[in-house]
């Protein structure tokens, strides 16, 4: 595995950790809603940015890796990021709240290290 792929996987790992941390804070029904409203939806914009960046890094890394097992893990992570993007977009609708944080399982990305 070359140095560029290792760096991409490390960035992907840290992006996943940050995304999971933000998502876990916002997942509390009343508390998360208040944070989003008080900060004028800024946490959702940040979360959307992290999801998009993670999706781009997972696609780039997947295309450069030849190990089939790691490619499958990154493919599953890619689906999770797409689900996260869709759910974050739905969270912009006022008073429409879906708690589907359990759909995004970032443990697969953590197993790469």
Protein backbone atom coordinates (compact mmCIF):
# COMPACT_ATOMS: atom_id res chain seq x y z
CA UNK A 1 0.00 0.00 0.00
CA UNK A 2 1.56 3.30 -1.02
CA UNK A 3 1.91 6.40 1.15
CA UNK A 4 -0.91 8.32 -0.57
CA UNK A 5 -3.43 5.55 0.15
CA UNK A 6 -2.33 5.37 3.78
CA UNK A 7 -2.83 9.12 4.18
CA UNK A 8 -6.25 8.94 2.53
CA UNK A 9 -7.30 6.11 4.83
CA UNK A 10 -6.07 8.03 7.87
CA UNK A 11 -8.01 11.14 6.81
CA UNK A 12 -11.06 8.97 6.23
CA UNK A 13 -10.68 7.45 9.68
CA UNK A 14 -10.52 10.85 11.40
CA UNK A 15 -13.40 12.23 9.35
CA UNK A 16 -15.49 9.23 10.41
CA UNK A 17 -14.63 9.80 14.07
CA UNK A 18 -15.53 13.49 13.92
CA UNK A 19 -18.75 12.76 12.03
CA UNK A 20 -19.75 10.10 14.56
CA UNK A 21 -19.05 12.48 17.46
CA UNK A 22 -21.17 15.28 15.97
CA UNK A 23 -23.91 12.83 15.08
CA UNK A 24 -23.97 11.37 18.59
CA UNK A 25 -24.42 14.83 20.15
CA UNK A 26 -27.19 15.76 17.72
CA UNK A 27 -28.95 12.41 18.16
CA UNK A 28 -30.45 13.40 21.52
CA UNK A 29 -34.05 14.31 20.64
CA UNK A 30 -34.58 17.58 22.47
CA UNK A 31 -30.97 18.59 23.08
CA UNK A 32 -29.86 18.05 19.49
CA UNK A 33 -32.82 19.99 18.12
CA UNK A 34 -32.05 22.94 20.35
CA UNK A 35 -28.39 22.94 19.29
CA UNK A 36 -29.38 22.94 15.62
CA UNK A 37 -31.94 25.73 16.02
CA UNK A 38 -29.81 27.96 18.26
CA UNK A 39 -26.81 27.66 15.95
CA UNK A 40 -29.03 28.36 12.89
CA UNK A 41 -28.51 24.94 11.29
CA UNK A 42 -24.72 25.34 11.26
CA UNK A 43 -24.16 21.85 12.78
CA UNK A 44 -26.10 20.32 9.91
CA UNK A 45 -24.00 22.22 7.37
CA UNK A 46 -20.81 21.04 9.07
CA UNK A 47 -22.10 17.47 9.23
CA UNK A 48 -23.07 17.58 5.56
CA UNK A 49 -19.58 18.82 4.69
CA UNK A 50 -17.98 15.99 6.67
CA UNK A 51 -20.22 13.43 4.95
CA UNK A 52 -19.37 14.76 1.49
CA UNK A 53 -15.64 14.88 2.27
CA UNK A 54 -15.77 11.34 3.67
CA UNK A 55 -17.61 10.13 0.58
CA UNK A 56 -14.99 11.66 -1.73
CA UNK A 57 -12.10 10.19 0.28
CA UNK A 58 -13.73 6.75 0.40
CA UNK A 59 -14.25 6.72 -3.37
CA UNK A 60 -10.68 7.88 -4.07
CA UNK A 61 -9.19 5.39 -1.64
CA UNK A 62 -11.34 2.53 -2.93
CA UNK A 63 -10.20 3.17 -6.49
CA UNK A 64 -6.53 2.98 -5.48
CA UNK A 65 -6.68 -0.22 -3.40
CA UNK A 66 -6.42 -3.69 -4.89
CA UNK A 67 -7.22 -5.67 -1.73
CA UNK A 68 -10.78 -6.97 -2.23
CA UNK A 69 -11.62 -7.11 1.49
CA UNK A 70 -10.72 -3.47 2.06
CA UNK A 71 -12.55 -2.46 -1.12
CA UNK A 72 -15.73 -4.10 0.21
CA UNK A 73 -15.40 -2.27 3.54
CA UNK A 74 -14.97 1.04 1.73
CA UNK A 75 -17.96 0.25 -0.49
CA UNK A 76 -20.13 -0.26 2.60
CA UNK A 77 -18.74 2.95 4.11
CA UNK A 78 -19.63 4.75 0.87
CA UNK A 79 -23.25 3.62 1.20
CA UNK A 80 -23.30 4.82 4.82
CA UNK A 81 -22.03 8.25 3.79
CA UNK A 82 -24.70 8.53 1.10
CA UNK A 83 -27.37 7.63 3.68
CA UNK A 84 -25.88 10.27 5.99
CA UNK A 85 -26.05 12.91 3.26
CA UNK A 86 -29.71 12.10 2.56
CA UNK A 87 -30.66 12.10 6.25
CA UNK A 88 -28.80 15.34 6.90
CA UNK A 89 -30.65 16.90 3.98
CA UNK A 90 -33.96 15.70 5.46
CA UNK A 91 -33.03 17.15 8.84
CA UNK A 92 -33.13 20.65 7.32
CA UNK A 93 -36.93 20.42 7.20
CA UNK A 94 -38.22 22.18 10.35
CA UNK A 95 -39.91 19.90 12.90
CA UNK A 96 -39.09 16.86 10.77
CA UNK A 97 -36.74 14.71 12.74
CA UNK A 98 -35.54 11.22 11.94
CA UNK A 99 -33.30 9.42 14.37
CA UNK A 100 -31.57 7.03 12.01
CA UNK A 101 -28.09 7.45 13.46
CA UNK A 102 -27.97 3.68 13.91
CA UNK A 103 -28.02 3.27 10.11
CA UNK A 104 -24.53 4.72 9.86
CA UNK A 105 -22.13 2.20 11.26
CA UNK A 106 -18.62 3.61 11.14
CA UNK A 107 -17.09 0.59 12.86
CA UNK A 108 -16.11 -0.82 9.45
CA UNK A 109 -13.82 2.12 8.76
CA UNK A 110 -12.26 1.73 12.22
CA UNK A 111 -11.41 -1.91 11.44
CA UNK A 112 -9.06 -0.78 8.68
CA UNK A 113 -6.51 0.27 11.30
